[in-house]
C-alpha atoms as a PDB file:
ATOM      1  CA  MET A   1     -68.400  26.269   4.169  1.00  0.00           C
ATOM      2  CA  LYS A   2     -68.666  23.311   1.787  1.00  0.00           C
ATOM      3  CA  LYS A   3     -65.549  24.534  -0.046  1.00  0.00           C
ATOM      4  CA  ILE A   4     -63.608  24.700   3.214  1.00  0.00           C
ATOM      5  CA  LEU A   5     -64.615  21.150   4.102  1.00  0.00           C
ATOM      6  CA  ALA A   6     -63.670  19.922   0.647  1.00  0.00           C
ATOM      7  CA  TYR A   7     -60.212  21.525   0.827  1.00  0.00           C
ATOM      8  CA  SER A   8     -59.580  20.289   4.341  1.00  0.00           C
ATOM      9  CA  SER A   9     -60.270  16.704   3.312  1.00  0.00           C
ATOM     10  CA  ILE A  10     -57.563  16.718   0.616  1.00  0.00           C
ATOM     11  CA  PRO A  11     -54.605  16.026   2.959  1.00  0.00           C
ATOM     12  CA  ILE A  12     -56.541  13.172   4.532  1.00  0.00           C
ATOM     13  CA  LEU A  13     -57.230  11.625   1.141  1.00  0.00           C
ATOM     14  CA  ILE A  14     -53.558  11.960   0.122  1.00  0.00           C
ATOM     15  CA  ALA A  15     -52.368  10.320   3.330  1.00  0.00           C
ATOM     16  CA  LEU A  16     -54.870   7.501   2.851  1.00  0.00           C
ATOM     17  CA  ALA A  17     -53.710   6.944  -0.731  1.00  0.00           C
ATOM     18  CA  VAL A  18     -50.043   6.780   0.338  1.00  0.00           C
ATOM     19  CA  PHE A  19     -50.891   4.319   3.113  1.00  0.00           C
ATOM     20  CA  LEU A  20     -52.842   2.044   0.743  1.00  0.00           C
ATOM     21  CA  PHE A  21     -50.023   2.178  -1.838  1.00  0.00           C
ATOM     22  CA  PHE A  22     -47.381   0.948   0.604  1.00  0.00           C
ATOM     23  CA  GLN A  23     -49.712  -1.680   2.009  1.00  0.00           C
ATOM     24  CA  LYS A  24     -50.179  -3.028  -1.489  1.00  0.00           C
ATOM     25  CA  ASN A  25     -46.490  -2.707  -2.496  1.00  0.00           C
ATOM     26  CA  LYS A  26     -44.591  -3.926   0.549  1.00  0.00           C
ATOM     27  CA  ILE A  27     -40.846  -3.418   0.399  1.00  0.00           C
ATOM     28  CA  GLU A  28     -38.743  -6.506   1.009  1.00  0.00           C
ATOM     29  CA  ILE A  29     -35.244  -6.242   2.448  1.00  0.00           C
ATOM     30  CA  GLY A  30     -33.436  -9.474   3.251  1.00  0.00           C
ATOM     31  CA  ASN A  31     -35.959 -11.840   4.816  1.00  0.00           C
ATOM     32  CA  GLN A  32     -38.083  -9.054   6.348  1.00  0.00           C
ATOM     33  CA  THR A  33     -41.158  -7.549   4.737  1.00  0.00           C
ATOM     34  CA  GLY A  34     -42.356  -3.976   5.110  1.00  0.00           C
ATOM     35  CA  LEU A  35     -39.199  -2.773   6.913  1.00  0.00           C
ATOM     36  CA  LEU A  36     -36.715  -0.171   5.747  1.00  0.00           C
ATOM     37  CA  THR A  37     -33.255  -0.360   7.296  1.00  0.00           C
ATOM     38  CA  PRO A  38     -32.294   3.183   8.408  1.00  0.00           C
ATOM     39  CA  LEU A  39     -29.112   4.618   6.898  1.00  0.00           C
ATOM     40  CA  PRO A  40     -26.178   5.240   9.209  1.00  0.00           C
ATOM     41  CA  SER A  41     -26.275   8.737  10.676  1.00  0.00           C
ATOM     42  CA  LYS A  42     -22.967   9.677   8.986  1.00  0.00           C
ATOM     43  CA  PHE A  43     -23.910   8.362   5.543  1.00  0.00           C
ATOM     44  CA  THR A  44     -23.266  10.977   2.860  1.00  0.00           C
ATOM     45  CA  GLY A  45     -24.055   8.995  -0.270  1.00  0.00           C
ATOM     46  CA  ASN A  46     -20.384   9.242  -1.339  1.00  0.00           C
ATOM     47  CA  LEU A  47     -19.060   6.001   0.140  1.00  0.00           C
ATOM     48  CA  LYS A  48     -17.111   3.786  -2.259  1.00  0.00           C
ATOM     49  CA  PRO A  49     -14.768   0.820  -1.759  1.00  0.00           C
ATOM     50  CA  GLY A  50     -11.203   1.948  -1.156  1.00  0.00           C
ATOM     51  CA  PRO A  51      -8.894   0.651  -3.923  1.00  0.00           C
ATOM     52  CA  LEU A  52      -6.446  -0.753  -1.365  1.00  0.00           C
ATOM     53  CA  SER A  53      -8.578  -1.970   1.538  1.00  0.00           C
ATOM     54  CA  GLY A  54     -11.893  -2.526  -0.260  1.00  0.00           C
ATOM     55  CA  VAL A  55     -13.679  -0.936   2.711  1.00  0.00           C
ATOM     56  CA  ASN A  56     -16.358   1.634   1.901  1.00  0.00           C
ATOM     57  CA  CYS A  57     -15.091   5.117   2.696  1.00  0.00           C
ATOM     58  CA  GLU A  58     -15.418   8.763   1.721  1.00  0.00           C
ATOM     59  CA  ASN A  59     -11.778   9.038   0.616  1.00  0.00           C
ATOM     60  CA  ALA A  60     -11.742   6.239  -1.960  1.00  0.00           C
ATOM     61  CA  GLY A  61     -10.822   8.746  -4.655  1.00  0.00           C
ATOM     62  CA  ALA A  62      -7.922  10.220  -2.694  1.00  0.00           C
ATOM     63  CA  ARG A  63      -4.287   9.647  -3.555  1.00  0.00           C
ATOM     64  CA  PRO A  64      -2.571   7.243  -1.130  1.00  0.00           C
ATOM     65  CA  VAL A  65       0.106   8.557   1.218  1.00  0.00           C
ATOM     66  CA  ALA A  66       2.929   6.157   2.159  1.00  0.00           C
ATOM     67  CA  VAL A  67       4.753   6.886   5.420  1.00  0.00           C
ATOM     68  CA  MET A  68       8.019   5.367   6.662  1.00  0.00           C
ATOM     69  CA  ILE A  69       7.691   4.135  10.256  1.00  0.00           C
ATOM     70  CA  PRO A  70       9.851   2.001  12.582  1.00  0.00           C
ATOM     71  CA  SER A  71       9.585  -1.514  13.920  1.00  0.00           C
ATOM     72  CA  ASP A  72      11.985  -0.800  16.789  1.00  0.00           C
ATOM     73  CA  PRO A  73      10.737  -1.662  20.298  1.00  0.00           C
ATOM     74  CA  GLU A  74      11.745   1.823  21.520  1.00  0.00           C
ATOM     75  CA  ALA A  75       9.258   3.381  19.097  1.00  0.00           C
ATOM     76  CA  MET A  76       6.220   1.513  20.380  1.00  0.00           C
ATOM     77  CA  PRO A  77       3.344   2.163  20.490  1.00  0.00           C
ATOM     78  CA  LEU A  78       3.037   3.660  17.008  1.00  0.00           C
ATOM     79  CA  SER A  79       0.529   6.389  16.187  1.00  0.00           C
ATOM     80  CA  GLY A  80      -1.978   5.806  13.378  1.00  0.00           C
ATOM     81  CA  ILE A  81      -0.895   2.264  12.512  1.00  0.00           C
ATOM     82  CA  SER A  82      -4.365   0.760  13.107  1.00  0.00           C
ATOM     83  CA  GLU A  83      -5.811   3.082  10.446  1.00  0.00           C
ATOM     84  CA  ALA A  84      -3.490   2.107   7.590  1.00  0.00           C
ATOM     85  CA  ASP A  85      -5.062   0.569   4.486  1.00  0.00           C
ATOM     86  CA  MET A  86      -1.886  -1.333   3.640  1.00  0.00           C
ATOM     87  CA  VAL A  87       1.447  -1.904   5.400  1.00  0.00           C
ATOM     88  CA  PHE A  88       4.765  -3.278   4.138  1.00  0.00           C
ATOM     89  CA  GLU A  89       7.420  -4.605   6.514  1.00  0.00           C
ATOM     90  CA  MET A  90      10.872  -5.897   5.609  1.00  0.00           C
ATOM     91  CA  PRO A  91      14.409  -6.365   6.968  1.00  0.00           C
ATOM     92  CA  VAL A  92      16.742  -3.430   6.341  1.00  0.00           C
ATOM     93  CA  THR A  93      19.934  -4.935   7.827  1.00  0.00           C
ATOM     94  CA  ASP A  94      21.432  -8.416   7.757  1.00  0.00           C
ATOM     95  CA  GLY A  95      21.110  -8.387  11.538  1.00  0.00           C
ATOM     96  CA  GLY A  96      17.345  -8.632  11.297  1.00  0.00           C
ATOM     97  CA  VAL A  97      16.278  -5.036  11.982  1.00  0.00           C
ATOM     98  CA  THR A  98      13.011  -4.347  10.151  1.00  0.00           C
ATOM     99  CA  ARG A  99      11.202  -1.222   9.012  1.00  0.00           C
ATOM    100  CA  MET A 100       7.689  -0.517   7.799  1.00  0.00           C
ATOM    101  CA  MET A 101       5.838   1.656   5.315  1.00  0.00           C
ATOM    102  CA  ALA A 102       2.214   2.383   6.217  1.00  0.00           C
ATOM    103  CA  VAL A 103      -0.102   3.478   3.408  1.00  0.00           C
ATOM    104  CA  PHE A 104      -3.124   5.645   4.191  1.00  0.00           C
ATOM    105  CA  GLN A 105      -6.065   6.359   1.921  1.00  0.00           C
ATOM    106  CA  CYS A 106      -9.468   5.776   3.534  1.00  0.00           C
ATOM    107  CA  ASN A 107      -8.409   6.976   6.986  1.00  0.00           C
ATOM    108  CA  GLN A 108      -6.580  10.197   7.800  1.00  0.00           C
ATOM    109  CA  PRO A 109      -4.986   9.882  11.266  1.00  0.00           C
ATOM    110  CA  LYS A 110      -4.611  12.914  13.515  1.00  0.00           C
ATOM    111  CA  GLU A 111      -1.079  11.755  14.310  1.00  0.00           C
ATOM    112  CA  ILE A 112       1.272   9.428  12.421  1.00  0.00           C
ATOM    113  CA  GLY A 113       4.610   8.231  13.693  1.00  0.00           C
ATOM    114  CA  SER A 114       7.181   8.014  14.573  1.00  0.00           C
ATOM    115  CA  ILE A 115       8.567   8.885  11.139  1.00  0.00           C
ATOM    116  CA  ARG A 116      11.754   7.179   9.986  1.00  0.00           C
ATOM    117  CA  SER A 117      14.208   7.459   7.141  1.00  0.00           C
ATOM    118  CA  SER A 118      13.754   6.097   3.650  1.00  0.00           C
ATOM    119  CA  ARG A 119      15.248   2.863   2.371  1.00  0.00           C
ATOM    120  CA  VAL A 120      15.555   2.524  -1.384  1.00  0.00           C
ATOM    121  CA  ASP A 121      13.744  -0.849  -1.430  1.00  0.00           C
ATOM    122  CA  PHE A 122      10.494   0.785  -0.281  1.00  0.00           C
ATOM    123  CA  ILE A 123      10.404   3.379  -3.061  1.00  0.00           C
ATOM    124  CA  PRO A 124       9.186   0.958  -5.800  1.00  0.00           C
ATOM    125  CA  LEU A 125       6.398  -0.192  -3.455  1.00  0.00           C
ATOM    126  CA  ALA A 126       5.226   3.398  -2.976  1.00  0.00           C
ATOM    127  CA  LEU A 127       5.548   4.095  -6.710  1.00  0.00           C
ATOM    128  CA  GLY A 128       3.428   1.053  -7.558  1.00  0.00           C
ATOM    129  CA  LEU A 129       0.615   2.487  -5.440  1.00  0.00           C
ATOM    130  CA  GLY A 130       0.898   5.963  -6.944  1.00  0.00           C
ATOM    131  CA  ALA A 131       1.509   7.287  -3.434  1.00  0.00           C
ATOM    132  CA  ILE A 132       2.953  10.482  -2.042  1.00  0.00           C
ATOM    133  CA  TYR A 133       5.981   9.362  -0.011  1.00  0.00           C
ATOM    134  CA  SER A 134       6.597  10.665   3.516  1.00  0.00           C
ATOM    135  CA  HIS A 135       9.985  10.072   5.186  1.00  0.00           C
ATOM    136  CA  TRP A 136      12.589  11.694   7.417  1.00  0.00           C
ATOM    137  CA  GLY A 137      15.807  11.669   5.427  1.00  0.00           C
ATOM    138  CA  GLY A 138      17.200   8.379   4.173  1.00  0.00           C
ATOM    139  CA  GLU A 139      20.252   6.344   3.305  1.00  0.00           C
ATOM    140  CA  ALA A 140      22.448   7.692   0.510  1.00  0.00           C
ATOM    141  CA  THR A 141      21.000   5.722  -2.425  1.00  0.00           C
ATOM    142  CA  ALA A 142      17.437   6.466  -1.389  1.00  0.00           C
ATOM    143  CA  LEU A 143      18.123  10.203  -1.038  1.00  0.00           C
ATOM    144  CA  GLU A 144      19.810  10.249  -4.435  1.00  0.00           C
ATOM    145  CA  GLU A 145      16.651   8.829  -6.013  1.00  0.00           C
ATOM    146  CA  LEU A 146      14.322  11.056  -4.016  1.00  0.00           C
ATOM    147  CA  ASN A 147      16.289  14.194  -4.871  1.00  0.00           C
ATOM    148  CA  SER A 148      15.991  13.301  -8.565  1.00  0.00           C
ATOM    149  CA  SER A 149      12.196  13.468  -8.216  1.00  0.00           C
ATOM    150  CA  VAL A 150      11.439   9.827  -8.983  1.00  0.00           C
ATOM    151  CA  ILE A 151       8.446  10.130  -6.639  1.00  0.00           C
ATOM    152  CA  ASP A 152       6.464  12.952  -5.052  1.00  0.00           C
ATOM    153  CA  ASN A 153       7.874  13.062  -1.528  1.00  0.00           C
ATOM    154  CA  ILE A 154       7.775  15.118   1.665  1.00  0.00           C
ATOM    155  CA  ASP A 155      11.041  14.958   3.634  1.00  0.00           C
ATOM    156  CA  GLY A 156      11.222  15.609   7.374  1.00  0.00           C
ATOM    157  CA  LEU A 157      14.753  16.982   6.944  1.00  0.00           C
ATOM    158  CA  LYS A 158      13.296  19.826   4.867  1.00  0.00           C
ATOM    159  CA  TYR A 159      10.110  20.403   6.836  1.00  0.00           C
ATOM    160  CA  ASP A 160      11.085  19.791  10.465  1.00  0.00           C
ATOM    161  CA  GLY A 161       9.026  22.169  12.612  1.00  0.00           C
ATOM    162  CA  THR A 162       6.333  22.722   9.978  1.00  0.00           C
ATOM    163  CA  VAL A 163       4.967  19.513   8.457  1.00  0.00           C
ATOM    164  CA  TYR A 164       6.777  17.388  11.025  1.00  0.00           C
ATOM    165  CA  TYR A 165       7.307  17.922  14.744  1.00  0.00           C
ATOM    166  CA  ARG A 166       9.172  16.276  17.601  1.00  0.00           C
ATOM    167  CA  LYS A 167       7.773  14.888  20.849  1.00  0.00           C
ATOM    168  CA  SER A 168      10.006  15.429  23.873  1.00  0.00           C
ATOM    169  CA  GLU A 169       8.744  12.315  25.658  1.00  0.00           C
ATOM    170  CA  ARG A 170      10.053  10.016  22.904  1.00  0.00           C
ATOM    171  CA  PRO A 171      13.767   9.144  22.494  1.00  0.00           C
ATOM    172  CA  ARG A 172      15.615  10.135  19.325  1.00  0.00           C
ATOM    173  CA  PRO A 173      15.409   9.072  16.540  1.00  0.00           C
ATOM    174  CA  HIS A 174      11.872   7.908  17.322  1.00  0.00           C
ATOM    175  CA  ASN A 175      10.459  11.313  18.237  1.00  0.00           C
ATOM    176  CA  GLY A 176       9.451  12.660  14.812  1.00  0.00           C
ATOM    177  CA  PHE A 177       5.730  12.789  14.000  1.00  0.00           C
ATOM    178  CA  THR A 178       3.264  14.299  11.555  1.00  0.00           C
ATOM    179  CA  SER A 179      -0.452  14.285  10.774  1.00  0.00           C
ATOM    180  CA  PHE A 180      -2.314  13.368   7.629  1.00  0.00           C
ATOM    181  CA  LYS A 181      -3.673  16.922   7.479  1.00  0.00           C
ATOM    182  CA  SER A 182      -0.161  18.406   7.551  1.00  0.00           C
ATOM    183  CA  LEU A 183       1.010  16.074   4.789  1.00  0.00           C
ATOM    184  CA  LEU A 184      -2.054  16.898   2.701  1.00  0.00           C
ATOM    185  CA  ASN A 185      -1.551  20.658   3.106  1.00  0.00           C
ATOM    186  CA  LYS A 186       2.113  20.396   2.088  1.00  0.00           C
ATOM    187  CA  ALA A 187       1.200  18.205  -0.902  1.00  0.00           C
ATOM    188  CA  LYS A 188      -1.218  20.922  -2.044  1.00  0.00           C
ATOM    189  CA  GLU A 189       1.472  23.571  -1.570  1.00  0.00           C
ATOM    190  CA  LEU A 190       3.919  21.494  -3.645  1.00  0.00           C
ATOM    191  CA  ASP A 191       1.250  21.126  -6.332  1.00  0.00           C
ATOM    192  CA  TYR A 192       1.208  17.332  -6.100  1.00  0.00           C
ATOM    193  CA  SER A 193      -1.850  15.608  -7.544  1.00  0.00           C
ATOM    194  CA  LEU A 194      -4.277  14.544  -4.811  1.00  0.00           C
ATOM    195  CA  ASP A 195      -6.369  12.220  -6.989  1.00  0.00           C
ATOM    196  CA  ASN A 196      -6.125   8.441  -6.766  1.00  0.00           C
ATOM    197  CA  PRO A 197      -4.170   7.163  -9.811  1.00  0.00           C
ATOM    198  CA  ILE A 198      -4.568   3.388  -9.353  1.00  0.00           C
ATOM    199  CA  ILE A 199      -7.192   0.677  -9.771  1.00  0.00           C
ATOM    200  CA  GLY A 200      -6.049  -1.156  -6.662  1.00  0.00           C
ATOM    201  CA  TYR A 201      -6.871  -4.705  -5.633  1.00  0.00           C
ATOM    202  CA  LYS A 202      -9.785  -7.072  -6.057  1.00  0.00           C
ATOM    203  CA  HIS A 203     -11.875  -7.783  -2.960  1.00  0.00           C
ATOM    204  CA  ASP A 204     -14.437 -10.408  -2.009  1.00  0.00           C
ATOM    205  CA  SER A 205     -17.305  -8.547  -0.354  1.00  0.00           C
ATOM    206  CA  LYS A 206     -18.863 -11.860   0.754  1.00  0.00           C
ATOM    207  CA  ALA A 207     -15.756 -13.164   2.509  1.00  0.00           C
ATOM    208  CA  VAL A 208     -16.367 -15.336   5.582  1.00  0.00           C
ATOM    209  CA  SER A 209     -14.183 -17.369   7.923  1.00  0.00           C
ATOM    210  CA  LYS A 210     -13.260 -20.744   6.409  1.00  0.00           C
ATOM    211  CA  GLY A 211     -10.496 -22.073   8.644  1.00  0.00           C
ATOM    212  CA  ASP A 212      -8.304 -21.405  11.637  1.00  0.00           C
ATOM    213  CA  GLN A 213      -4.816 -20.997  10.166  1.00  0.00           C
ATOM    214  CA  SER A 214      -2.478 -18.264  11.373  1.00  0.00           C
ATOM    215  CA  PRO A 215       0.792 -17.286   9.678  1.00  0.00           C
ATOM    216  CA  PRO A 216       4.015 -18.603  11.244  1.00  0.00           C
ATOM    217  CA  MET A 217       6.204 -16.263  13.264  1.00  0.00           C
ATOM    218  CA  ILE A 218       8.303 -14.027  11.054  1.00  0.00           C
ATOM    219  CA  TYR A 219      11.509 -12.106  11.840  1.00  0.00           C
ATOM    220  CA  ALA A 220      13.379 -12.656  15.098  1.00  0.00           C
ATOM    221  CA  ASP A 221      14.506 -11.338  18.460  1.00  0.00           C
ATOM    222  CA  ASP A 222      13.186  -7.827  19.228  1.00  0.00           C
ATOM    223  CA  PHE A 223      11.531  -7.659  15.803  1.00  0.00           C
ATOM    224  CA  ALA A 224       9.645 -10.973  15.947  1.00  0.00           C
ATOM    225  CA  VAL A 225       6.071 -10.741  14.644  1.00  0.00           C
ATOM    226  CA  LYS A 226       3.201 -13.169  15.061  1.00  0.00           C
ATOM    227  CA  TRP A 227      -0.303 -12.861  13.630  1.00  0.00           C
ATOM    228  CA  ILE A 228      -3.107 -14.623  15.542  1.00  0.00           C
ATOM    229  CA  TYR A 229      -6.269 -15.450  13.613  1.00  0.00           C
ATOM    230  CA  ASP A 230      -9.570 -14.449  15.255  1.00  0.00           C
ATOM    231  CA  SER A 231     -12.340 -16.469  13.586  1.00  0.00           C
ATOM    232  CA  ALA A 232     -15.100 -14.481  15.318  1.00  0.00           C
ATOM    233  CA  LYS A 233     -13.952 -11.248  13.648  1.00  0.00           C
ATOM    234  CA  ASN A 234     -12.272 -12.863  10.617  1.00  0.00           C
ATOM    235  CA  THR A 235      -9.146 -10.812  11.269  1.00  0.00           C
ATOM    236  CA  TYR A 236      -5.525 -11.400  12.253  1.00  0.00           C
ATOM    237  CA  LYS A 237      -4.263  -9.746  15.448  1.00  0.00           C
ATOM    238  CA  ARG A 238      -0.664  -8.582  15.469  1.00  0.00           C
ATOM    239  CA  GLN A 239       1.766  -9.537  18.205  1.00  0.00           C
ATOM    240  CA  ARG A 240       5.266  -8.156  18.629  1.00  0.00           C
ATOM    241  CA  VAL A 241       7.592 -10.249  20.788  1.00  0.00           C
ATOM    242  CA  GLY A 242       4.562 -12.025  22.230  1.00  0.00           C
ATOM    243  CA  ILE A 243       2.642  -8.842  23.121  1.00  0.00           C
ATOM    244  CA  PHE A 244      -0.469  -7.732  21.244  1.00  0.00           C
ATOM    245  CA  GLU A 245       0.269  -4.461  19.454  1.00  0.00           C
ATOM    246  CA  THR A 246      -2.008  -1.441  19.916  1.00  0.00           C
ATOM    247  CA  ASP A 247      -2.248   2.037  18.396  1.00  0.00           C
ATOM    248  CA  PHE A 248      -1.158   4.998  20.557  1.00  0.00           C
ATOM    249  CA  ASN A 249      -3.894   7.208  19.066  1.00  0.00           C
ATOM    250  CA  ASN A 250      -6.888   5.071  19.958  1.00  0.00           C
ATOM    251  CA  SER A 251      -5.612   2.056  21.961  1.00  0.00           C
ATOM    252  CA  LYS A 252      -7.079  -0.230  19.282  1.00  0.00           C
ATOM    253  CA  GLN A 253      -5.605  -3.641  18.577  1.00  0.00           C
ATOM    254  CA  VAL A 254      -3.594  -3.638  15.341  1.00  0.00           C
ATOM    255  CA  GLU A 255      -5.403  -6.045  13.004  1.00  0.00           C
ATOM    256  CA  ALA A 256      -5.271  -7.146   9.385  1.00  0.00           C
ATOM    257  CA  ALA A 257      -7.915  -8.750   7.216  1.00  0.00           C
ATOM    258  CA  ASN A 258      -5.132 -10.178   5.042  1.00  0.00           C
ATOM    259  CA  VAL A 259      -1.524 -11.108   5.770  1.00  0.00           C
ATOM    260  CA  VAL A 260       0.860 -11.854   2.890  1.00  0.00           C
ATOM    261  CA  ILE A 261       4.220 -13.538   3.420  1.00  0.00           C
ATOM    262  CA  MET A 262       6.211 -12.401   0.381  1.00  0.00           C
ATOM    263  CA  ASN A 263       9.458 -14.285  -0.244  1.00  0.00           C
ATOM    264  CA  THR A 264      12.245 -12.516  -2.070  1.00  0.00           C
ATOM    265  CA  SER A 265      16.022 -12.242  -2.444  1.00  0.00           C
ATOM    266  CA  TRP A 266      18.546  -9.788  -1.033  1.00  0.00           C
ATOM    267  CA  LEU A 267      22.150  -8.657  -1.310  1.00  0.00           C
ATOM    268  CA  PRO A 268      24.493  -7.106   1.264  1.00  0.00           C
ATOM    269  CA  VAL A 269      25.609  -3.543   0.537  1.00  0.00           C
ATOM    270  CA  ASN A 270      27.780  -2.729   3.551  1.00  0.00           C
ATOM    271  CA  LYS A 271      27.801  -3.306   7.294  1.00  0.00           C
ATOM    272  CA  ASP A 272      24.738  -1.084   7.717  1.00  0.00           C
ATOM    273  CA  TYR A 273      22.458  -1.846   4.786  1.00  0.00           C
ATOM    274  CA  ILE A 274      21.142  -4.585   2.543  1.00  0.00           C
ATOM    275  CA  ARG A 275      19.223  -4.470  -0.738  1.00  0.00           C
ATOM    276  CA  VAL A 276      15.914  -6.318  -0.809  1.00  0.00           C
ATOM    277  CA  SER A 277      14.345  -7.119  -4.177  1.00  0.00           C
ATOM    278  CA  THR A 278      10.833  -5.637  -4.381  1.00  0.00           C
ATOM    279  CA  THR A 279      10.442  -5.945  -8.146  1.00  0.00           C
ATOM    280  CA  GLY A 280      10.318  -9.088 -10.270  1.00  0.00           C
ATOM    281  CA  SER A 281       8.516 -12.161  -8.947  1.00  0.00           C
ATOM    282  CA  GLY A 282       8.630 -14.836  -6.288  1.00  0.00           C
ATOM    283  CA  GLN A 283       6.705 -17.133  -3.987  1.00  0.00           C
ATOM    284  CA  ALA A 284       4.044 -15.883  -1.591  1.00  0.00           C
ATOM    285  CA  THR A 285       1.550 -17.245   0.915  1.00  0.00           C
ATOM    286  CA  ILE A 286      -1.654 -15.290   1.355  1.00  0.00           C
ATOM    287  CA  TYR A 287      -3.559 -15.647   4.624  1.00  0.00           C
ATOM    288  CA  LYS A 288      -7.206 -14.623   4.591  1.00  0.00           C
ATOM    289  CA  ASN A 289     -10.435 -15.997   6.056  1.00  0.00           C
ATOM    290  CA  GLY A 290      -8.401 -18.386   8.196  1.00  0.00           C
ATOM    291  CA  GLU A 291      -6.911 -20.098   5.140  1.00  0.00           C
ATOM    292  CA  ALA A 292      -3.379 -20.198   3.719  1.00  0.00           C
ATOM    293  CA  ILE A 293      -3.196 -19.829  -0.064  1.00  0.00           C
ATOM    294  CA  ALA A 294       0.062 -20.795  -1.760  1.00  0.00           C
ATOM    295  CA  GLY A 295       0.800 -18.463  -4.632  1.00  0.00           C
ATOM    296  CA  THR A 296       3.142 -15.934  -6.187  1.00  0.00           C
ATOM    297  CA  TRP A 297       3.838 -12.225  -6.356  1.00  0.00           C
ATOM    298  CA  GLU A 298       4.762 -10.170  -9.412  1.00  0.00           C
ATOM    299  CA  LYS A 299       5.877  -6.581  -9.922  1.00  0.00           C
ATOM    300  CA  SER A 300       7.014  -5.386 -13.319  1.00  0.00           C
ATOM    301  CA  GLY A 301       9.414  -2.506 -12.778  1.00  0.00           C
ATOM    302  CA  ASP A 302       9.453   0.249 -10.184  1.00  0.00           C
ATOM    303  CA  LYS A 303       6.094   1.723 -11.198  1.00  0.00           C
ATOM    304  CA  GLY A 304       4.319  -1.593 -11.769  1.00  0.00           C
ATOM    305  CA  LYS A 305       1.566  -2.792  -9.469  1.00  0.00           C
ATOM    306  CA  LEU A 306       2.545  -5.412  -6.898  1.00  0.00           C
ATOM    307  CA  SER A 307       0.127  -8.245  -7.685  1.00  0.00           C
ATOM    308  CA  PHE A 308      -0.604 -11.518  -5.927  1.00  0.00           C
ATOM    309  CA  TYR A 309      -1.838 -14.748  -7.533  1.00  0.00           C
ATOM    310  CA  ASP A 310      -2.873 -18.230  -6.454  1.00  0.00           C
ATOM    311  CA  ASN A 311      -1.186 -21.383  -7.813  1.00  0.00           C
ATOM    312  CA  ILE A 312      -3.224 -21.287 -11.042  1.00  0.00           C
ATOM    313  CA  HIS A 313      -2.308 -17.619 -11.581  1.00  0.00           C
ATOM    314  CA  LYS A 314      -5.708 -16.221 -10.664  1.00  0.00           C
ATOM    315  CA  GLU A 315      -5.406 -12.818  -9.024  1.00  0.00           C
ATOM    316  CA  ILE A 316      -6.117 -12.933  -5.306  1.00  0.00           C
ATOM    317  CA  GLU A 317      -9.383 -11.419  -4.108  1.00  0.00           C
ATOM    318  CA  PHE A 318      -8.622  -9.960  -0.707  1.00  0.00           C
ATOM    319  CA  THR A 319     -11.001  -9.776   2.216  1.00  0.00           C
ATOM    320  CA  PRO A 320     -12.084  -6.145   2.736  1.00  0.00           C
ATOM    321  CA  GLY A 321      -9.853  -4.593   5.380  1.00  0.00           C
ATOM    322  CA  PRO A 322      -6.155  -3.829   5.917  1.00  0.00           C
ATOM    323  CA  ILE A 323      -3.545  -5.748   3.907  1.00  0.00           C
ATOM    324  CA  TRP A 324      -0.187  -6.372   5.588  1.00  0.00           C
ATOM    325  CA  VAL A 325       2.709  -7.553   3.428  1.00  0.00           C
ATOM    326  CA  GLU A 326       5.498  -9.185   5.423  1.00  0.00           C
ATOM    327  CA  ILE A 327       8.558  -9.403   3.165  1.00  0.00           C
ATOM    328  CA  LYS A 328      10.751 -12.379   4.022  1.00  0.00           C
ATOM    329  CA  ILE A 329      14.332 -12.816   2.838  1.00  0.00           C
END
């Protein structure tokens, strides 16, 4: 009987010892004492800052996928655009028509589109990010480069009905779509590397709102874009022709943590196309935290990283979140 009592008291003694230990060694987190902040329910222990967005995510080690998408009013609303880590937009005709390339890494949208054709000026931007390039055909010079395997790419002309599909409710040529999963499966089938090959950008994890400046309107007519700074969220909300832009997938407002106005040169090619310089260097204005930072951009060759610097040539530390690069000619 005495042995039974002795054994039964052991758990009580252990519990008492644990209680006294934590009373003596209180854990401090922030300004609170004795409180442990519970982990998010979806936390896996594998979250790391994405090289492009700087936002903690499970896919930080994944290879980026760059997708050609339209800016045309007929194509709105776009699917998946709110989930892009980085987006490039530039004129593709001397009449002011623009096109975009959305780059996905942290997020993997269930639907992306509509998908548009390649323009040769976007290829160096995708190469500099080490991305797999998704497009639906392209102009002659772009297709010549793509067919010579300058970049791992997945063409809608080759994979219509498998990787890509058409939606009957959308007008041509804005009815071609895909999903991140379909692109990933095809990349595996083509034996493309799926590992992230780049270091990415620097980010300021302690970024806070410091001003109230918004970028000026860029582009014109049906392609006019305005970014409105929201100091409460420290983000820039995108407007197209005076209307706030949302994502078809989730109805979310399209926002950026950083907006870069990248100035560059261009040359006419013919009545349909122009050539925009996306390598070399030039002036840039970086908008983040409600401030406008005058600086420069540099890109050494097609495969070089597109880098941004302030006026003393210190590399820009972006605010964690999407980066939108608006290329101005």
